[in-house]
Amino acid sequence: ELENQLTAKSKTLDDLKQSLASNGSAEQTPEAQSLRLAELCEMKDSIVNQVAQLKASMQSILEQWRAYDEIYAEVSLMTTRYLYCIDQCKPSGEEASLEALKKQVKTLQ
C-alpha cells in the first residue's frame, strides 16, 4: 500500500515539475521553486528507501514467525505424545501391586 501511494506521489511530483517548467509561478522565483522541488524529491527518495528497508525487515520477521509456527507445532505434538505416555504409565488402581506393575511393564513393552 505504501509503495502504491509513493508511486502516486511520484507521479504528482513529476506533474508538478512539468507544470513549473512550462508555466512558472508568479508567487515564487524559479530558483525558489527549483529548490523546493529538489527538497521534495529528496524527501520522496528518502521515504522510498525507508519503505524498502521496512519491507526487508517485515520479510525477515515473517520468515521468523513461520519458523516459530513450525517449531511450535512440533513441540505441541511432542508434548501430546509425552502426556499420552505418562498417562499410560500410571498404575490402573489406587495401590500399585506387584501384579499390576508387571502387567503394566508388559503393556509398555
C-alpha atoms as a PDB file:
ATOM      1  CA  GLU A   1       0.000   0.000   0.000  1.00  0.00           C
ATOM      2  CA  LEU A   2       2.838   2.377   0.878  1.00  0.00           C
ATOM      3  CA  GLU A   3       4.564   1.566  -2.390  1.00  0.00           C
ATOM      4  CA  ASN A   4       1.383   2.345  -4.326  1.00  0.00           C
ATOM      5  CA  GLN A   5       0.986   5.649  -2.503  1.00  0.00           C
ATOM      6  CA  LEU A   6       4.619   6.525  -3.218  1.00  0.00           C
ATOM      7  CA  THR A   7       4.129   5.760  -6.900  1.00  0.00           C
ATOM      8  CA  ALA A   8       1.114   8.068  -6.985  1.00  0.00           C
ATOM      9  CA  LYS A   9       3.018  10.833  -5.168  1.00  0.00           C
ATOM     10  CA  SER A  10       5.969  10.405  -7.534  1.00  0.00           C
ATOM     11  CA  LYS A  11       3.642  10.920 -10.479  1.00  0.00           C
ATOM     12  CA  THR A  12       2.187  14.010  -8.814  1.00  0.00           C
ATOM     13  CA  LEU A  13       5.707  15.312  -8.241  1.00  0.00           C
ATOM     14  CA  ASP A  14       6.625  14.699 -11.889  1.00  0.00           C
ATOM     15  CA  ASP A  15       3.473  16.526 -12.982  1.00  0.00           C
ATOM     16  CA  LEU A  16       4.434  19.423 -10.720  1.00  0.00           C
ATOM     17  CA  LYS A  17       7.915  19.536 -12.269  1.00  0.00           C
ATOM     18  CA  GLN A  18       6.417  19.703 -15.756  1.00  0.00           C
ATOM     19  CA  SER A  19       3.890  22.310 -14.721  1.00  0.00           C
ATOM     20  CA  LEU A  20       6.546  24.526 -13.151  1.00  0.00           C
ATOM     21  CA  ALA A  21       8.851  24.105 -16.113  1.00  0.00           C
ATOM     22  CA  SER A  22       6.194  25.190 -18.574  1.00  0.00           C
ATOM     23  CA  ASN A  23       4.185  27.756 -16.589  1.00  0.00           C
ATOM     24  CA  GLY A  24       6.298  29.038 -13.745  1.00  0.00           C
ATOM     25  CA  SER A  25       4.723  30.801 -10.802  1.00  0.00           C
ATOM     26  CA  ALA A  26       4.319  34.445 -10.014  1.00  0.00           C
ATOM     27  CA  GLU A  27       4.446  33.765  -6.275  1.00  0.00           C
ATOM     28  CA  GLN A  28       7.966  32.317  -6.157  1.00  0.00           C
ATOM     29  CA  THR A  29      11.135  32.822  -8.120  1.00  0.00           C
ATOM     30  CA  PRO A  30      12.217  29.974 -10.408  1.00  0.00           C
ATOM     31  CA  GLU A  31      15.225  29.378  -8.125  1.00  0.00           C
ATOM     32  CA  ALA A  32      12.989  29.017  -5.065  1.00  0.00           C
ATOM     33  CA  GLN A  33      10.678  26.684  -6.954  1.00  0.00           C
ATOM     34  CA  SER A  34      13.607  24.542  -8.098  1.00  0.00           C
ATOM     35  CA  LEU A  35      14.997  24.425  -4.564  1.00  0.00           C
ATOM     36  CA  ARG A  36      11.641  23.393  -3.088  1.00  0.00           C
ATOM     37  CA  LEU A  37      11.156  20.793  -5.820  1.00  0.00           C
ATOM     38  CA  ALA A  38      14.630  19.366  -5.141  1.00  0.00           C
ATOM     39  CA  GLU A  39      13.766  19.134  -1.422  1.00  0.00           C
ATOM     40  CA  LEU A  40      10.559  17.282  -2.249  1.00  0.00           C
ATOM     41  CA  CYS A  41      12.432  14.859  -4.491  1.00  0.00           C
ATOM     42  CA  GLU A  42      14.985  14.188  -1.749  1.00  0.00           C
ATOM     43  CA  MET A  43      12.218  13.583   0.766  1.00  0.00           C
ATOM     44  CA  LYS A  44      10.484  11.203  -1.645  1.00  0.00           C
ATOM     45  CA  ASP A  45      13.738   9.291  -2.266  1.00  0.00           C
ATOM     46  CA  SER A  46      14.321   9.046   1.483  1.00  0.00           C
ATOM     47  CA  ILE A  47      10.833   7.666   2.031  1.00  0.00           C
ATOM     48  CA  VAL A  48      11.278   5.171  -0.822  1.00  0.00           C
ATOM     49  CA  ASN A  49      14.476   3.923   0.856  1.00  0.00           C
ATOM     50  CA  GLN A  50      12.752   3.674   4.241  1.00  0.00           C
ATOM     51  CA  VAL A  51       9.885   1.695   2.733  1.00  0.00           C
ATOM     52  CA  ALA A  52      12.375  -0.685   1.080  1.00  0.00           C
ATOM     53  CA  GLN A  53      14.117  -1.208   4.434  1.00  0.00           C
ATOM     54  CA  LEU A  54      10.772  -1.738   6.164  1.00  0.00           C
ATOM     55  CA  LYS A  55       9.758  -4.280   3.536  1.00  0.00           C
ATOM     56  CA  ALA A  56      13.024  -6.211   4.025  1.00  0.00           C
ATOM     57  CA  SER A  57      12.563  -6.153   7.811  1.00  0.00           C
ATOM     58  CA  MET A  58       8.968  -7.331   7.544  1.00  0.00           C
ATOM     59  CA  GLN A  59      10.038 -10.175   5.231  1.00  0.00           C
ATOM     60  CA  SER A  60      12.619 -11.275   7.803  1.00  0.00           C
ATOM     61  CA  ILE A  61      10.048 -11.124  10.606  1.00  0.00           C
ATOM     62  CA  LEU A  62       7.582 -13.131   8.530  1.00  0.00           C
ATOM     63  CA  GLU A  63      10.202 -15.856   7.963  1.00  0.00           C
ATOM     64  CA  GLN A  64      10.949 -15.950  11.689  1.00  0.00           C
ATOM     65  CA  TRP A  65       7.226 -16.331  12.504  1.00  0.00           C
ATOM     66  CA  ARG A  66       6.948 -19.188  10.007  1.00  0.00           C
ATOM     67  CA  ALA A  67       9.869 -20.948  11.685  1.00  0.00           C
ATOM     68  CA  TYR A  68       8.269 -20.319  15.093  1.00  0.00           C
ATOM     69  CA  ASP A  69       4.963 -21.797  13.923  1.00  0.00           C
ATOM     70  CA  GLU A  70       6.684 -24.925  12.622  1.00  0.00           C
ATOM     71  CA  ILE A  71       8.658 -25.423  15.829  1.00  0.00           C
ATOM     72  CA  TYR A  72       5.587 -24.709  17.976  1.00  0.00           C
ATOM     73  CA  ALA A  73       3.580 -27.354  16.113  1.00  0.00           C
ATOM     74  CA  GLU A  74       6.402 -29.859  16.594  1.00  0.00           C
ATOM     75  CA  VAL A  75       6.712 -29.108  20.321  1.00  0.00           C
ATOM     76  CA  SER A  76       2.947 -29.308  20.749  1.00  0.00           C
ATOM     77  CA  LEU A  77       2.887 -32.734  19.105  1.00  0.00           C
ATOM     78  CA  MET A  78       5.770 -33.943  21.279  1.00  0.00           C
ATOM     79  CA  THR A  79       4.021 -32.658  24.401  1.00  0.00           C
ATOM     80  CA  THR A  80       0.859 -34.503  23.472  1.00  0.00           C
ATOM     81  CA  ARG A  81       2.854 -37.691  22.946  1.00  0.00           C
ATOM     82  CA  TYR A  82       4.609 -37.310  26.301  1.00  0.00           C
ATOM     83  CA  LEU A  83       1.330 -36.690  28.093  1.00  0.00           C
ATOM     84  CA  TYR A  84      -0.094 -39.824  26.498  1.00  0.00           C
ATOM     85  CA  CYS A  85       2.955 -41.844  27.597  1.00  0.00           C
ATOM     86  CA  ILE A  86       2.712 -40.501  31.129  1.00  0.00           C
ATOM     87  CA  ASP A  87      -0.976 -41.374  31.196  1.00  0.00           C
ATOM     88  CA  GLN A  88      -0.168 -44.911  30.060  1.00  0.00           C
ATOM     89  CA  CYS A  89       2.472 -45.288  32.767  1.00  0.00           C
ATOM     90  CA  LYS A  90       0.047 -44.566  35.607  1.00  0.00           C
ATOM     91  CA  PRO A  91      -0.967 -47.586  37.665  1.00  0.00           C
ATOM     92  CA  SER A  92      -4.502 -48.691  36.955  1.00  0.00           C
ATOM     93  CA  GLY A  93      -5.654 -48.841  40.600  1.00  0.00           C
ATOM     94  CA  GLU A  94      -5.105 -46.809  43.708  1.00  0.00           C
ATOM     95  CA  GLU A  95      -2.456 -49.162  45.000  1.00  0.00           C
ATOM     96  CA  ALA A  96       0.277 -50.480  42.792  1.00  0.00           C
ATOM     97  CA  SER A  97       0.508 -54.213  43.377  1.00  0.00           C
ATOM     98  CA  LEU A  98       3.351 -56.272  42.005  1.00  0.00           C
ATOM     99  CA  GLU A  99       0.999 -57.989  39.538  1.00  0.00           C
ATOM    100  CA  ALA A 100      -0.389 -54.684  38.324  1.00  0.00           C
ATOM    101  CA  LEU A 101       3.124 -53.344  37.787  1.00  0.00           C
ATOM    102  CA  LYS A 102       4.177 -56.497  35.891  1.00  0.00           C
ATOM    103  CA  LYS A 103       1.090 -56.178  33.698  1.00  0.00           C
ATOM    104  CA  GLN A 104       1.889 -52.547  33.030  1.00  0.00           C
ATOM    105  CA  VAL A 105       5.501 -53.391  32.103  1.00  0.00           C
ATOM    106  CA  LYS A 106       4.212 -55.949  29.598  1.00  0.00           C
ATOM    107  CA  THR A 107       1.811 -53.395  28.149  1.00  0.00           C
ATOM    108  CA  LEU A 108       4.563 -50.830  27.755  1.00  0.00           C
ATOM    109  CA  GLN A 109       6.919 -53.346  26.175  1.00  0.00           C
END
